[in-house]
């Protein structure tokens, strides 16, 4: 009798735990990936120290806004910086840009990632 009661209690506890996990979305499920285009004249001429300062500022703002936003990496061209971020929504990326003093000329949600392996059958 006591063994059956213990089993029932354990099963009920497992059911409660599994239901709570199934109702909680993981960070990956709520975060979307975005590409931010930042028009910065002569971005390609920024010094290592300037890029480090920009990175430190961005990191500070990301830390303040965590866990709703994450900086993945950025690409610097002659007159633009393209940044890949994960965030719950575009508004958070605009807020990050405003707090950091960065332009955010265009924000696009990335729908799919492809690479050379995509062509393989």
C-alpha atoms as a PDB file:
ATOM      1  CA  UNK A   1       0.000   0.000   0.000  1.00  0.00           C
ATOM      2  CA  UNK A   2       2.790   2.415   0.949  1.00  0.00           C
ATOM      3  CA  UNK A   3       4.749   1.515  -2.210  1.00  0.00           C
ATOM      4  CA  UNK A   4       1.794   2.341  -4.470  1.00  0.00           C
ATOM      5  CA  UNK A   5       1.267   5.662  -2.707  1.00  0.00           C
ATOM      6  CA  UNK A   6       4.969   6.529  -3.156  1.00  0.00           C
ATOM      7  CA  UNK A   7       4.759   5.634  -6.843  1.00  0.00           C
ATOM      8  CA  UNK A   8       1.676   7.802  -7.308  1.00  0.00           C
ATOM      9  CA  UNK A   9       3.361  10.748  -5.586  1.00  0.00           C
ATOM     10  CA  UNK A  10       6.497  10.334  -7.725  1.00  0.00           C
ATOM     11  CA  UNK A  11       4.442  10.078 -10.920  1.00  0.00           C
ATOM     12  CA  UNK A  12       2.461  13.179  -9.988  1.00  0.00           C
ATOM     13  CA  UNK A  13       5.681  15.085  -9.271  1.00  0.00           C
ATOM     14  CA  UNK A  14       7.167  14.016 -12.621  1.00  0.00           C
ATOM     15  CA  UNK A  15       3.994  15.085 -14.404  1.00  0.00           C
ATOM     16  CA  UNK A  16       4.096  18.541 -12.799  1.00  0.00           C
ATOM     17  CA  UNK A  17       7.779  18.969 -13.692  1.00  0.00           C
ATOM     18  CA  UNK A  18       7.307  17.835 -17.287  1.00  0.00           C
ATOM     19  CA  UNK A  19       4.307  20.137 -17.756  1.00  0.00           C
ATOM     20  CA  UNK A  20       6.221  23.134 -16.435  1.00  0.00           C
ATOM     21  CA  UNK A  21       9.121  22.420 -18.829  1.00  0.00           C
ATOM     22  CA  UNK A  22       6.812  22.010 -21.817  1.00  0.00           C
ATOM     23  CA  UNK A  23       5.140  25.371 -21.111  1.00  0.00           C
ATOM     24  CA  UNK A  24       8.415  27.276 -20.710  1.00  0.00           C
ATOM     25  CA  UNK A  25       9.993  28.398 -23.981  1.00  0.00           C
ATOM     26  CA  UNK A  26      13.737  28.131 -24.193  1.00  0.00           C
ATOM     27  CA  UNK A  27      15.936  31.114 -25.063  1.00  0.00           C
ATOM     28  CA  UNK A  28      16.441  29.680 -28.565  1.00  0.00           C
ATOM     29  CA  UNK A  29      12.679  29.486 -29.140  1.00  0.00           C
ATOM     30  CA  UNK A  30      12.031  33.130 -28.193  1.00  0.00           C
ATOM     31  CA  UNK A  31      15.134  34.680 -29.766  1.00  0.00           C
ATOM     32  CA  UNK A  32      15.139  35.518 -33.467  1.00  0.00           C
ATOM     33  CA  UNK A  33      18.241  36.283 -35.542  1.00  0.00           C
ATOM     34  CA  UNK A  34      18.561  39.715 -37.136  1.00  0.00           C
ATOM     35  CA  UNK A  35      20.931  41.527 -39.467  1.00  0.00           C
ATOM     36  CA  UNK A  36      21.445  45.207 -38.685  1.00  0.00           C
ATOM     37  CA  UNK A  37      22.829  47.487 -41.369  1.00  0.00           C
ATOM     38  CA  UNK A  38      24.629  50.502 -39.921  1.00  0.00           C
ATOM     39  CA  UNK A  39      25.698  53.307 -42.278  1.00  0.00           C
ATOM     40  CA  UNK A  40      29.012  54.580 -40.889  1.00  0.00           C
ATOM     41  CA  UNK A  41      31.105  56.657 -43.311  1.00  0.00           C
ATOM     42  CA  UNK A  42      34.710  55.402 -43.449  1.00  0.00           C
ATOM     43  CA  UNK A  43      33.901  52.447 -41.180  1.00  0.00           C
ATOM     44  CA  UNK A  44      36.674  50.520 -42.915  1.00  0.00           C
ATOM     45  CA  UNK A  45      39.177  53.104 -41.691  1.00  0.00           C
ATOM     46  CA  UNK A  46      38.283  52.747 -38.016  1.00  0.00           C
ATOM     47  CA  UNK A  47      41.332  51.903 -35.921  1.00  0.00           C
ATOM     48  CA  UNK A  48      41.634  48.833 -33.735  1.00  0.00           C
ATOM     49  CA  UNK A  49      41.225  51.075 -30.678  1.00  0.00           C
ATOM     50  CA  UNK A  50      38.057  52.653 -32.116  1.00  0.00           C
ATOM     51  CA  UNK A  51      36.588  49.243 -32.936  1.00  0.00           C
ATOM     52  CA  UNK A  52      37.467  48.056 -29.442  1.00  0.00           C
ATOM     53  CA  UNK A  53      35.700  51.090 -27.929  1.00  0.00           C
ATOM     54  CA  UNK A  54      32.588  50.472 -30.045  1.00  0.00           C
ATOM     55  CA  UNK A  55      32.629  46.801 -29.026  1.00  0.00           C
ATOM     56  CA  UNK A  56      32.959  47.663 -25.339  1.00  0.00           C
ATOM     57  CA  UNK A  57      30.000  50.061 -25.551  1.00  0.00           C
ATOM     58  CA  UNK A  58      27.878  47.474 -27.355  1.00  0.00           C
ATOM     59  CA  UNK A  59      28.795  44.799 -24.792  1.00  0.00           C
ATOM     60  CA  UNK A  60      27.850  47.117 -21.929  1.00  0.00           C
ATOM     61  CA  UNK A  61      24.426  47.800 -23.434  1.00  0.00           C
ATOM     62  CA  UNK A  62      23.879  44.103 -24.219  1.00  0.00           C
ATOM     63  CA  UNK A  63      24.748  43.236 -20.610  1.00  0.00           C
ATOM     64  CA  UNK A  64      22.238  45.809 -19.386  1.00  0.00           C
ATOM     65  CA  UNK A  65      19.522  44.408 -21.666  1.00  0.00           C
ATOM     66  CA  UNK A  66      20.307  40.693 -21.194  1.00  0.00           C
ATOM     67  CA  UNK A  67      18.942  38.092 -21.586  1.00  0.00           C
ATOM     68  CA  UNK A  68      16.624  39.530 -24.259  1.00  0.00           C
ATOM     69  CA  UNK A  69      19.414  40.443 -26.683  1.00  0.00           C
ATOM     70  CA  UNK A  70      22.728  38.887 -27.753  1.00  0.00           C
ATOM     71  CA  UNK A  71      25.427  40.183 -30.115  1.00  0.00           C
ATOM     72  CA  UNK A  72      26.741  37.373 -32.328  1.00  0.00           C
ATOM     73  CA  UNK A  73      29.296  39.187 -34.538  1.00  0.00           C
ATOM     74  CA  UNK A  74      29.718  42.035 -37.025  1.00  0.00           C
ATOM     75  CA  UNK A  75      31.280  42.646 -40.436  1.00  0.00           C
ATOM     76  CA  UNK A  76      32.966  45.963 -41.260  1.00  0.00           C
ATOM     77  CA  UNK A  77      33.038  47.278 -44.840  1.00  0.00           C
ATOM     78  CA  UNK A  78      34.201  50.602 -46.281  1.00  0.00           C
ATOM     79  CA  UNK A  79      31.136  52.559 -45.192  1.00  0.00           C
ATOM     80  CA  UNK A  80      28.895  50.133 -43.313  1.00  0.00           C
ATOM     81  CA  UNK A  81      28.878  47.712 -40.427  1.00  0.00           C
ATOM     82  CA  UNK A  82      26.640  44.656 -40.640  1.00  0.00           C
ATOM     83  CA  UNK A  83      25.805  43.183 -37.255  1.00  0.00           C
ATOM     84  CA  UNK A  84      24.223  39.826 -36.478  1.00  0.00           C
ATOM     85  CA  UNK A  85      22.179  39.837 -33.281  1.00  0.00           C
ATOM     86  CA  UNK A  86      19.747  37.537 -31.558  1.00  0.00           C
ATOM     87  CA  UNK A  87      16.821  39.265 -29.888  1.00  0.00           C
ATOM     88  CA  UNK A  88      13.212  38.743 -28.946  1.00  0.00           C
ATOM     89  CA  UNK A  89      12.104  41.532 -31.322  1.00  0.00           C
ATOM     90  CA  UNK A  90      13.240  44.473 -33.473  1.00  0.00           C
ATOM     91  CA  UNK A  91      12.266  47.056 -30.855  1.00  0.00           C
ATOM     92  CA  UNK A  92      14.986  45.729 -28.537  1.00  0.00           C
ATOM     93  CA  UNK A  93      17.567  46.206 -31.300  1.00  0.00           C
ATOM     94  CA  UNK A  94      16.438  49.788 -31.837  1.00  0.00           C
ATOM     95  CA  UNK A  95      16.701  50.354 -28.075  1.00  0.00           C
ATOM     96  CA  UNK A  96      20.235  48.889 -28.090  1.00  0.00           C
ATOM     97  CA  UNK A  97      21.237  51.230 -30.939  1.00  0.00           C
ATOM     98  CA  UNK A  98      19.798  54.246 -29.154  1.00  0.00           C
ATOM     99  CA  UNK A  99      21.465  53.443 -25.833  1.00  0.00           C
ATOM    100  CA  UNK A 100      24.791  52.755 -27.549  1.00  0.00           C
ATOM    101  CA  UNK A 101      24.669  55.733 -29.871  1.00  0.00           C
ATOM    102  CA  UNK A 102      24.846  53.474 -32.947  1.00  0.00           C
ATOM    103  CA  UNK A 103      22.903  53.940 -36.173  1.00  0.00           C
ATOM    104  CA  UNK A 104      20.489  51.157 -37.089  1.00  0.00           C
ATOM    105  CA  UNK A 105      19.544  52.077 -40.629  1.00  0.00           C
ATOM    106  CA  UNK A 106      17.947  48.752 -41.453  1.00  0.00           C
ATOM    107  CA  UNK A 107      16.991  45.756 -39.305  1.00  0.00           C
ATOM    108  CA  UNK A 108      16.030  42.541 -41.078  1.00  0.00           C
ATOM    109  CA  UNK A 109      14.930  39.281 -39.497  1.00  0.00           C
ATOM    110  CA  UNK A 110      16.880  36.353 -40.960  1.00  0.00           C
ATOM    111  CA  UNK A 111      14.558  33.540 -41.985  1.00  0.00           C
ATOM    112  CA  UNK A 112      16.989  30.890 -43.207  1.00  0.00           C
ATOM    113  CA  UNK A 113      20.708  30.196 -43.224  1.00  0.00           C
ATOM    114  CA  UNK A 114      22.311  28.494 -46.215  1.00  0.00           C
ATOM    115  CA  UNK A 115      25.885  27.529 -47.016  1.00  0.00           C
ATOM    116  CA  UNK A 116      27.737  25.331 -49.540  1.00  0.00           C
ATOM    117  CA  UNK A 117      26.407  22.200 -47.843  1.00  0.00           C
ATOM    118  CA  UNK A 118      22.853  23.301 -48.726  1.00  0.00           C
ATOM    119  CA  UNK A 119      23.586  22.307 -52.346  1.00  0.00           C
ATOM    120  CA  UNK A 120      24.462  18.716 -51.413  1.00  0.00           C
ATOM    121  CA  UNK A 121      21.827  16.070 -51.975  1.00  0.00           C
END
